[in-house]
C-alpha atoms as a PDB file:
ATOM      1  CA  MET A   1       0.000   0.000   0.000  1.00  0.00           C
ATOM      2  CA  GLU A   2       1.274   3.474  -0.858  1.00  0.00           C
ATOM      3  CA  LEU A   3       0.807   6.674   1.096  1.00  0.00           C
ATOM      4  CA  SER A   4      -1.351   9.446  -0.351  1.00  0.00           C
ATOM      5  CA  ASN A   5       0.219  12.656  -1.624  1.00  0.00           C
ATOM      6  CA  TYR A   6      -1.256  14.428   1.400  1.00  0.00           C
ATOM      7  CA  ALA A   7       0.472  12.016   3.795  1.00  0.00           C
ATOM      8  CA  LYS A   8       3.749  12.467   1.939  1.00  0.00           C
ATOM      9  CA  SER A   9       3.412  16.259   2.151  1.00  0.00           C
ATOM     10  CA  LEU A  10       3.272  15.977   5.967  1.00  0.00           C
ATOM     11  CA  GLY A  11       6.361  13.771   6.080  1.00  0.00           C
ATOM     12  CA  VAL A  12       4.433  10.675   7.173  1.00  0.00           C
ATOM     13  CA  ASN A  13       6.201   7.309   7.064  1.00  0.00           C
ATOM     14  CA  LEU A  14       4.419   3.994   6.634  1.00  0.00           C
ATOM     15  CA  GLU A  15       5.982   1.739   9.276  1.00  0.00           C
ATOM     16  CA  GLU A  16       3.802  -1.368   9.183  1.00  0.00           C
ATOM     17  CA  VAL A  17       0.609  -2.528   7.564  1.00  0.00           C
ATOM     18  CA  ARG A  18      -1.141  -5.852   7.727  1.00  0.00           C
ATOM     19  CA  GLU A  19      -4.724  -7.044   7.963  1.00  0.00           C
ATOM     20  CA  HIS A  20      -6.437  -5.419  10.982  1.00  0.00           C
ATOM     21  CA  TYR A  21      -3.405  -3.215  11.833  1.00  0.00           C
ATOM     22  CA  ALA A  22      -1.544  -0.158  10.536  1.00  0.00           C
ATOM     23  CA  ARG A  23       1.228   2.011  11.978  1.00  0.00           C
ATOM     24  CA  VAL A  24       2.433   5.351  10.608  1.00  0.00           C
ATOM     25  CA  SER A  25       4.683   8.038  12.038  1.00  0.00           C
ATOM     26  CA  CYS A  26       6.040  11.513  11.461  1.00  0.00           C
ATOM     27  CA  LYS A  27       8.463  13.933  13.041  1.00  0.00           C
ATOM     28  CA  VAL A  28       6.995  17.164  14.408  1.00  0.00           C
ATOM     29  CA  THR A  29       8.720  20.020  12.606  1.00  0.00           C
ATOM     30  CA  LYS A  30       8.626  23.782  13.041  1.00  0.00           C
ATOM     31  CA  GLU A  31       6.017  23.926  10.254  1.00  0.00           C
ATOM     32  CA  HIS A  32       3.675  21.716  12.315  1.00  0.00           C
ATOM     33  CA  LEU A  33       3.569  23.959  15.403  1.00  0.00           C
ATOM     34  CA  ASN A  34       0.609  25.950  16.703  1.00  0.00           C
ATOM     35  CA  LEU A  35       0.591  29.225  18.671  1.00  0.00           C
ATOM     36  CA  HIS A  36       1.688  27.354  21.820  1.00  0.00           C
ATOM     37  CA  ASN A  37       4.739  25.848  20.063  1.00  0.00           C
ATOM     38  CA  THR A  38       3.286  22.358  20.256  1.00  0.00           C
ATOM     39  CA  ALA A  39       2.103  20.119  17.436  1.00  0.00           C
ATOM     40  CA  HIS A  40      -1.033  21.502  15.833  1.00  0.00           C
ATOM     41  CA  GLY A  41      -4.088  19.351  16.491  1.00  0.00           C
ATOM     42  CA  SER A  42      -4.635  19.031  12.766  1.00  0.00           C
ATOM     43  CA  LEU A  43      -1.279  17.239  12.414  1.00  0.00           C
ATOM     44  CA  ILE A  44      -2.190  14.773  15.153  1.00  0.00           C
ATOM     45  CA  PHE A  45      -5.648  14.246  13.659  1.00  0.00           C
ATOM     46  CA  SER A  46      -4.172  13.859  10.169  1.00  0.00           C
ATOM     47  CA  LEU A  47      -1.702  11.226  11.328  1.00  0.00           C
ATOM     48  CA  ALA A  48      -4.540   9.263  12.961  1.00  0.00           C
ATOM     49  CA  ASP A  49      -6.703   9.685   9.857  1.00  0.00           C
ATOM     50  CA  ILE A  50      -3.903   8.396   7.617  1.00  0.00           C
ATOM     51  CA  ALA A  51      -3.540   5.260   9.764  1.00  0.00           C
ATOM     52  CA  PHE A  52      -7.341   4.911   9.599  1.00  0.00           C
ATOM     53  CA  GLU A  53      -7.300   5.302   5.803  1.00  0.00           C
ATOM     54  CA  ILE A  54      -4.694   2.578   5.451  1.00  0.00           C
ATOM     55  CA  ILE A  55      -6.261   0.017   7.781  1.00  0.00           C
ATOM     56  CA  SER A  56      -9.824   0.492   6.536  1.00  0.00           C
ATOM     57  CA  ASN A  57      -8.779   0.196   2.882  1.00  0.00           C
ATOM     58  CA  TYR A  58      -6.340  -2.674   3.339  1.00  0.00           C
ATOM     59  CA  ASN A  59      -8.598  -5.194   1.611  1.00  0.00           C
ATOM     60  CA  ARG A  60     -11.863  -3.253   1.264  1.00  0.00           C
ATOM     61  CA  ASP A  61     -12.999  -0.043  -0.414  1.00  0.00           C
ATOM     62  CA  SER A  62     -14.091   2.158   2.466  1.00  0.00           C
ATOM     63  CA  VAL A  63     -14.885   5.769   3.332  1.00  0.00           C
ATOM     64  CA  ALA A  64     -14.988   7.437   6.732  1.00  0.00           C
ATOM     65  CA  LEU A  65     -18.366   8.025   8.343  1.00  0.00           C
ATOM     66  CA  GLN A  66     -17.251   9.434  11.691  1.00  0.00           C
ATOM     67  CA  MET A  67     -14.148  10.075  13.795  1.00  0.00           C
ATOM     68  CA  SER A  68     -13.883  11.273  17.414  1.00  0.00           C
ATOM     69  CA  ILE A  69     -10.556  12.409  18.801  1.00  0.00           C
ATOM     70  CA  TYR A  70      -9.457  12.979  22.379  1.00  0.00           C
ATOM     71  CA  PHE A  71      -6.275  15.006  22.768  1.00  0.00           C
ATOM     72  CA  ARG A  72      -4.368  13.821  25.853  1.00  0.00           C
ATOM     73  CA  LYS A  73      -0.852  15.283  25.791  1.00  0.00           C
ATOM     74  CA  PRO A  74       1.011  17.793  23.609  1.00  0.00           C
ATOM     75  CA  ALA A  75       3.762  16.821  21.188  1.00  0.00           C
ATOM     76  CA  LYS A  76       6.722  19.132  20.692  1.00  0.00           C
ATOM     77  CA  GLU A  77       9.035  20.034  17.845  1.00  0.00           C
ATOM     78  CA  GLY A  78      11.440  17.165  17.217  1.00  0.00           C
ATOM     79  CA  ASP A  79       9.108  14.518  18.656  1.00  0.00           C
ATOM     80  CA  LYS A  80       8.379  11.452  16.579  1.00  0.00           C
ATOM     81  CA  ILE A  81       4.678  10.697  16.847  1.00  0.00           C
ATOM     82  CA  ILE A  82       3.243   7.308  15.945  1.00  0.00           C
ATOM     83  CA  ALA A  83      -0.340   6.377  15.095  1.00  0.00           C
ATOM     84  CA  GLU A  84      -1.385   2.758  15.473  1.00  0.00           C
ATOM     85  CA  ALA A  85      -4.748   1.666  14.110  1.00  0.00           C
ATOM     86  CA  PHE A  86      -6.546  -1.461  15.309  1.00  0.00           C
ATOM     87  CA  GLU A  87      -9.728  -2.989  13.935  1.00  0.00           C
ATOM     88  CA  GLU A  88     -12.248  -3.432  16.743  1.00  0.00           C
ATOM     89  CA  SER A  89     -15.093  -4.966  14.746  1.00  0.00           C
ATOM     90  CA  GLU A  90     -15.687  -5.700  11.095  1.00  0.00           C
ATOM     91  CA  GLY A  91     -19.139  -5.757   9.579  1.00  0.00           C
ATOM     92  CA  LYS A  92     -20.615  -6.159   6.143  1.00  0.00           C
ATOM     93  CA  THR A  93     -21.399  -2.450   5.731  1.00  0.00           C
ATOM     94  CA  THR A  94     -19.478  -0.722   8.543  1.00  0.00           C
ATOM     95  CA  SER A  95     -16.444  -1.377  10.720  1.00  0.00           C
ATOM     96  CA  LEU A  96     -15.066   0.213  13.900  1.00  0.00           C
ATOM     97  CA  TYR A  97     -11.446   1.142  14.537  1.00  0.00           C
ATOM     98  CA  LYS A  98      -9.367   2.469  17.421  1.00  0.00           C
ATOM     99  CA  ILE A  99      -6.357   4.652  16.649  1.00  0.00           C
ATOM    100  CA  LEU A 100      -3.810   5.558  19.318  1.00  0.00           C
ATOM    101  CA  VAL A 101      -1.283   8.335  18.760  1.00  0.00           C
ATOM    102  CA  LYS A 102       1.790   8.120  20.990  1.00  0.00           C
ATOM    103  CA  ASN A 103       5.237   9.627  21.253  1.00  0.00           C
ATOM    104  CA  GLU A 104       8.432   7.566  21.114  1.00  0.00           C
ATOM    105  CA  GLU A 105       8.298   6.989  24.871  1.00  0.00           C
ATOM    106  CA  GLY A 106       4.859   5.393  24.476  1.00  0.00           C
ATOM    107  CA  LYS A 107       2.990   8.263  26.115  1.00  0.00           C
ATOM    108  CA  GLU A 108      -0.476   8.758  24.654  1.00  0.00           C
ATOM    109  CA  ILE A 109      -0.894  11.961  22.646  1.00  0.00           C
ATOM    110  CA  ALA A 110      -4.438  11.239  21.427  1.00  0.00           C
ATOM    111  CA  SER A 111      -6.983   8.470  20.996  1.00  0.00           C
ATOM    112  CA  VAL A 112      -9.480   8.177  18.173  1.00  0.00           C
ATOM    113  CA  ASN A 113     -12.623   6.123  17.581  1.00  0.00           C
ATOM    114  CA  ALA A 114     -13.482   5.797  13.919  1.00  0.00           C
ATOM    115  CA  LEU A 115     -16.273   4.290  11.824  1.00  0.00           C
ATOM    116  CA  VAL A 116     -16.129   3.427   8.112  1.00  0.00           C
ATOM    117  CA  TYR A 117     -18.695   2.563   5.505  1.00  0.00           C
ATOM    118  CA  HIS A 118     -17.665  -0.225   3.128  1.00  0.00           C
ATOM    119  CA  LEU A 119     -18.398   0.560  -0.489  1.00  0.00           C
ATOM    120  CA  ASP A 120     -17.857  -3.121  -1.384  1.00  0.00           C
ATOM    121  CA  GLN A 121     -20.614  -4.602   0.768  1.00  0.00           C
ATOM    122  CA  ASN A 122     -20.630  -7.922  -1.067  1.00  0.00           C
ATOM    123  CA  LYS A 123     -17.422  -9.136   0.668  1.00  0.00           C
END
């Protein structure tokens, strides 16, 4: 699986992908900072969304229906942040996923619950 142009523009790296699991990462750069000099929430959300995109389209054609994010801890310039996506339940038309965003020390930056709609419902 290849990363989207958007993911590449953020400097995202695809670390691992397999059925029911995806892991991506990126380094927080100066360009990613908000007014508080921490990673902008949109970067954290984007990283989670990219992991979600990869896992939910691994062997199905899917589109997002809903995502909820909980920001837990800030990330700073120079931090490597990692998003891991796990499939919680797979259905014929929809599936649920959990995405955890952590720093290199394993501290949780954000958690996301996500729901997809499968375009290929005949699988």
